[in-house]
């Protein structure tokens, strides 16, 4: 449990410390963009909910779902952080 908390803390610090350009209010395709802080805050809230589940396997699956949601959010964010 301590390793997971430290890993999430390192991930949060890493994402928040990354230099990034200001996100535009509207892009060419109409997508307003993704704020990295929103992704991280949603991930933390999701993990908090998953940690309160009593059943081990249900909690594990809920945490895995949180990671998939975070990966999807981060995937939308990558083109903005590393434009080609």
N, C-alpha and C. Protein backbone atom coordinates (compact mmCIF):
# COMPACT_ATOMS: atom_id res chain seq x y z
N UNK A 1 0.82 -1.18 0.00
CA UNK A 1 0.00 0.00 0.00
C UNK A 1 0.87 1.26 0.00
N UNK A 2 1.94 1.22 0.78
CA UNK A 2 2.83 2.38 0.86
C UNK A 2 3.50 2.63 -0.49
N UNK A 3 3.87 1.54 -1.18
CA UNK A 3 4.49 1.69 -2.50
C UNK A 3 3.53 2.34 -3.48
N UNK A 4 2.26 1.98 -3.42
CA UNK A 4 1.27 2.56 -4.32
C UNK A 4 1.08 4.04 -4.04
N UNK A 5 1.04 4.41 -2.78
CA UNK A 5 0.87 5.81 -2.42
C UNK A 5 2.08 6.62 -2.89
N UNK A 6 3.28 6.07 -2.70
CA UNK A 6 4.48 6.77 -3.15
C UNK A 6 4.52 6.86 -4.67
N UNK A 7 4.08 5.80 -5.36
CA UNK A 7 4.06 5.83 -6.81
C UNK A 7 3.08 6.88 -7.33
N UNK A 8 1.89 6.94 -6.74
CA UNK A 8 0.91 7.94 -7.15
C UNK A 8 1.44 9.34 -6.85
N UNK A 9 2.08 9.51 -5.70
CA UNK A 9 2.65 10.82 -5.36
C UNK A 9 3.73 11.25 -6.34
N UNK A 10 4.60 10.30 -6.72
CA UNK A 10 5.65 10.61 -7.70
C UNK A 10 5.03 10.93 -9.05
N UNK A 11 3.99 10.19 -9.43
CA UNK A 11 3.31 10.44 -10.70
C UNK A 11 2.68 11.83 -10.71
N UNK A 12 2.02 12.18 -9.64
CA UNK A 12 1.39 13.50 -9.54
C UNK A 12 2.44 14.60 -9.62
N UNK A 13 3.52 14.46 -8.87
CA UNK A 13 4.58 15.48 -8.91
C UNK A 13 5.20 15.57 -10.29
N UNK A 14 5.40 14.43 -10.94
CA UNK A 14 5.98 14.42 -12.27
C UNK A 14 5.10 15.11 -13.29
N UNK A 15 3.81 14.82 -13.24
CA UNK A 15 2.88 15.43 -14.21
C UNK A 15 2.74 16.92 -13.96
N UNK A 16 2.64 17.31 -12.71
CA UNK A 16 2.48 18.73 -12.40
C UNK A 16 3.75 19.53 -12.65
N UNK A 17 4.91 18.88 -12.62
CA UNK A 17 6.17 19.59 -12.83
C UNK A 17 6.55 19.71 -14.30
N UNK A 18 5.84 19.01 -15.18
CA UNK A 18 6.17 19.05 -16.60
C UNK A 18 5.86 20.42 -17.18
N UNK A 19 6.81 21.00 -17.91
CA UNK A 19 6.50 22.26 -18.58
C UNK A 19 5.54 22.00 -19.72
N UNK A 20 4.58 22.86 -19.89
CA UNK A 20 3.59 22.65 -20.94
C UNK A 20 3.07 24.01 -21.41
N UNK A 21 2.68 24.07 -22.66
CA UNK A 21 2.12 25.32 -23.16
C UNK A 21 0.71 25.52 -22.63
N UNK A 22 0.26 26.74 -22.65
CA UNK A 22 -1.12 27.02 -22.25
C UNK A 22 -2.07 26.33 -23.22
N UNK A 23 -3.12 25.76 -22.70
CA UNK A 23 -4.08 25.06 -23.55
C UNK A 23 -5.04 26.05 -24.19
N UNK A 24 -5.24 25.91 -25.45
CA UNK A 24 -6.12 26.82 -26.19
C UNK A 24 -7.57 26.55 -25.83
N UNK A 25 -8.39 27.58 -25.93
CA UNK A 25 -9.81 27.44 -25.62
C UNK A 25 -10.52 26.61 -26.68
N UNK A 26 -10.04 26.63 -27.88
CA UNK A 26 -10.65 25.84 -28.94
C UNK A 26 -9.60 25.46 -29.97
N UNK A 27 -9.61 24.22 -30.40
CA UNK A 27 -8.63 23.78 -31.38
C UNK A 27 -9.32 23.63 -32.74
N UNK A 28 -8.54 23.29 -33.76
CA UNK A 28 -9.06 23.19 -35.12
C UNK A 28 -10.24 22.22 -35.24
N UNK A 29 -10.14 21.10 -34.53
CA UNK A 29 -11.21 20.10 -34.65
C UNK A 29 -12.33 20.30 -33.64
N UNK A 30 -12.30 21.42 -32.91
CA UNK A 30 -13.36 21.71 -31.95
C UNK A 30 -13.11 21.14 -30.57
N UNK A 31 -12.04 20.35 -30.41
CA UNK A 31 -11.71 19.77 -29.11
C UNK A 31 -11.12 20.86 -28.22
N UNK A 32 -11.68 21.09 -27.04
CA UNK A 32 -11.18 22.17 -26.20
C UNK A 32 -9.84 21.86 -25.55
N UNK A 33 -9.35 20.64 -25.68
CA UNK A 33 -8.08 20.26 -25.06
C UNK A 33 -8.31 19.61 -23.71
N UNK A 34 -7.25 19.06 -23.16
CA UNK A 34 -7.32 18.35 -21.89
C UNK A 34 -6.34 18.98 -20.92
N UNK A 35 -6.79 19.29 -19.75
CA UNK A 35 -5.94 19.88 -18.73
C UNK A 35 -5.28 18.74 -17.94
N UNK A 36 -3.95 18.70 -17.85
CA UNK A 36 -3.28 17.63 -17.12
C UNK A 36 -3.71 17.55 -15.66
N UNK A 37 -3.97 18.68 -15.06
CA UNK A 37 -4.37 18.67 -13.65
C UNK A 37 -5.71 17.98 -13.46
N UNK A 38 -6.60 18.11 -14.44
CA UNK A 38 -7.90 17.44 -14.36
C UNK A 38 -7.70 15.94 -14.42
N UNK A 39 -6.81 15.48 -15.32
CA UNK A 39 -6.53 14.04 -15.42
C UNK A 39 -6.02 13.49 -14.09
N UNK A 40 -5.07 14.19 -13.51
CA UNK A 40 -4.46 13.72 -12.26
C UNK A 40 -5.46 13.78 -11.12
N UNK A 41 -6.24 14.85 -11.02
CA UNK A 41 -7.22 14.96 -9.95
C UNK A 41 -8.30 13.88 -10.07
N UNK A 42 -8.74 13.60 -11.30
CA UNK A 42 -9.72 12.52 -11.51
C UNK A 42 -9.12 11.18 -11.13
N UNK A 43 -7.84 10.97 -11.47
CA UNK A 43 -7.18 9.71 -11.14
C UNK A 43 -7.08 9.52 -9.63
N UNK A 44 -6.71 10.58 -8.93
CA UNK A 44 -6.59 10.49 -7.47
C UNK A 44 -7.95 10.23 -6.83
N UNK A 45 -8.99 10.92 -7.30
CA UNK A 45 -10.33 10.71 -6.75
C UNK A 45 -10.81 9.29 -7.03
N UNK A 46 -10.53 8.79 -8.22
CA UNK A 46 -10.94 7.43 -8.58
C UNK A 46 -10.22 6.40 -7.70
N UNK A 47 -8.90 6.60 -7.50
CA UNK A 47 -8.14 5.68 -6.66
C UNK A 47 -8.61 5.73 -5.21
N UNK A 48 -9.02 6.91 -4.77
CA UNK A 48 -9.54 7.02 -3.41
C UNK A 48 -10.82 6.21 -3.25
N UNK A 49 -11.70 6.30 -4.25
CA UNK A 49 -12.93 5.50 -4.21
C UNK A 49 -12.61 4.01 -4.25
N UNK A 50 -11.65 3.62 -5.09
CA UNK A 50 -11.29 2.21 -5.21
C UNK A 50 -10.68 1.69 -3.91
N UNK A 51 -9.94 2.53 -3.20
CA UNK A 51 -9.30 2.08 -1.96
C UNK A 51 -10.30 1.82 -0.84
N UNK A 52 -11.50 2.35 -0.97
CA UNK A 52 -12.51 2.17 0.08
C UNK A 52 -13.38 0.94 -0.14
N UNK A 53 -13.15 0.20 -1.21
CA UNK A 53 -13.91 -1.01 -1.48
C UNK A 53 -13.35 -2.14 -0.62
N UNK A 54 -14.22 -2.88 0.02
CA UNK A 54 -13.81 -3.93 0.97
C UNK A 54 -13.23 -5.17 0.29
N UNK A 55 -13.86 -5.63 -0.76
CA UNK A 55 -13.44 -6.85 -1.43
C UNK A 55 -12.14 -6.58 -2.20
N UNK A 56 -11.12 -7.44 -2.01
CA UNK A 56 -9.81 -7.23 -2.64
C UNK A 56 -9.91 -7.18 -4.15
N UNK A 57 -10.57 -8.17 -4.75
CA UNK A 57 -10.62 -8.26 -6.20
C UNK A 57 -11.45 -7.12 -6.80
N UNK A 58 -12.50 -6.74 -6.15
CA UNK A 58 -13.30 -5.60 -6.63
C UNK A 58 -12.50 -4.31 -6.55
N UNK A 59 -11.75 -4.13 -5.46
CA UNK A 59 -10.92 -2.95 -5.31
C UNK A 59 -9.80 -2.94 -6.36
N UNK A 60 -9.22 -4.11 -6.61
CA UNK A 60 -8.16 -4.21 -7.60
C UNK A 60 -8.68 -3.87 -8.99
N UNK A 61 -9.85 -4.38 -9.33
CA UNK A 61 -10.43 -4.09 -10.64
C UNK A 61 -10.82 -2.61 -10.76
N UNK A 62 -11.31 -2.02 -9.69
CA UNK A 62 -11.67 -0.60 -9.71
C UNK A 62 -10.41 0.25 -9.89
N UNK A 63 -9.31 -0.13 -9.23
CA UNK A 63 -8.05 0.61 -9.40
C UNK A 63 -7.51 0.46 -10.81
N UNK A 64 -7.66 -0.73 -11.39
CA UNK A 64 -7.23 -0.95 -12.76
C UNK A 64 -8.05 -0.10 -13.72
N UNK A 65 -9.34 0.01 -13.46
CA UNK A 65 -10.20 0.87 -14.28
C UNK A 65 -9.76 2.33 -14.17
N UNK A 66 -9.34 2.75 -12.97
CA UNK A 66 -8.83 4.12 -12.79
C UNK A 66 -7.59 4.34 -13.65
N UNK A 67 -6.72 3.34 -13.69
CA UNK A 67 -5.51 3.48 -14.48
C UNK A 67 -5.82 3.56 -15.98
N UNK A 68 -6.80 2.78 -16.44
CA UNK A 68 -7.19 2.84 -17.85
C UNK A 68 -7.78 4.22 -18.19
N UNK A 69 -8.60 4.75 -17.30
CA UNK A 69 -9.17 6.08 -17.54
C UNK A 69 -8.08 7.14 -17.57
N UNK A 70 -7.09 7.02 -16.68
CA UNK A 70 -5.99 7.97 -16.66
C UNK A 70 -5.16 7.86 -17.94
N UNK A 71 -4.92 6.64 -18.40
CA UNK A 71 -4.16 6.44 -19.63
C UNK A 71 -4.90 7.04 -20.83
N UNK A 72 -6.22 6.90 -20.85
CA UNK A 72 -7.01 7.49 -21.93
C UNK A 72 -6.92 9.01 -21.89
N UNK A 73 -7.01 9.58 -20.71
CA UNK A 73 -6.92 11.04 -20.55
C UNK A 73 -5.53 11.51 -20.94
N UNK A 74 -4.50 10.80 -20.50
CA UNK A 74 -3.13 11.18 -20.84
C UNK A 74 -2.87 11.02 -22.33
N UNK A 75 -3.49 10.04 -22.96
CA UNK A 75 -3.34 9.87 -24.39
C UNK A 75 -3.90 11.04 -25.18
N UNK A 76 -4.97 11.62 -24.70
CA UNK A 76 -5.54 12.80 -25.34
C UNK A 76 -4.64 14.02 -25.12
N UNK A 77 -3.88 14.00 -24.05
CA UNK A 77 -3.07 15.14 -23.67
C UNK A 77 -1.72 15.13 -24.41
N UNK A 78 -1.22 13.98 -24.83
CA UNK A 78 0.12 13.89 -25.42
C UNK A 78 0.33 14.76 -26.66
N UNK A 79 -0.60 14.80 -27.60
CA UNK A 79 -0.37 15.66 -28.78
C UNK A 79 -0.22 17.14 -28.41
N UNK A 80 -0.85 17.57 -27.34
CA UNK A 80 -0.72 18.96 -26.91
C UNK A 80 0.63 19.22 -26.25
N UNK A 81 1.15 18.21 -25.54
CA UNK A 81 2.41 18.38 -24.85
C UNK A 81 3.60 18.26 -25.77
N UNK A 82 3.47 17.40 -26.78
CA UNK A 82 4.57 17.16 -27.71
C UNK A 82 4.10 17.36 -29.14
N UNK A 83 3.92 18.61 -29.55
CA UNK A 83 3.45 18.84 -30.93
C UNK A 83 4.53 18.44 -31.93
N UNK A 84 4.10 17.95 -33.07
CA UNK A 84 5.07 17.50 -34.07
C UNK A 84 5.44 18.59 -35.04
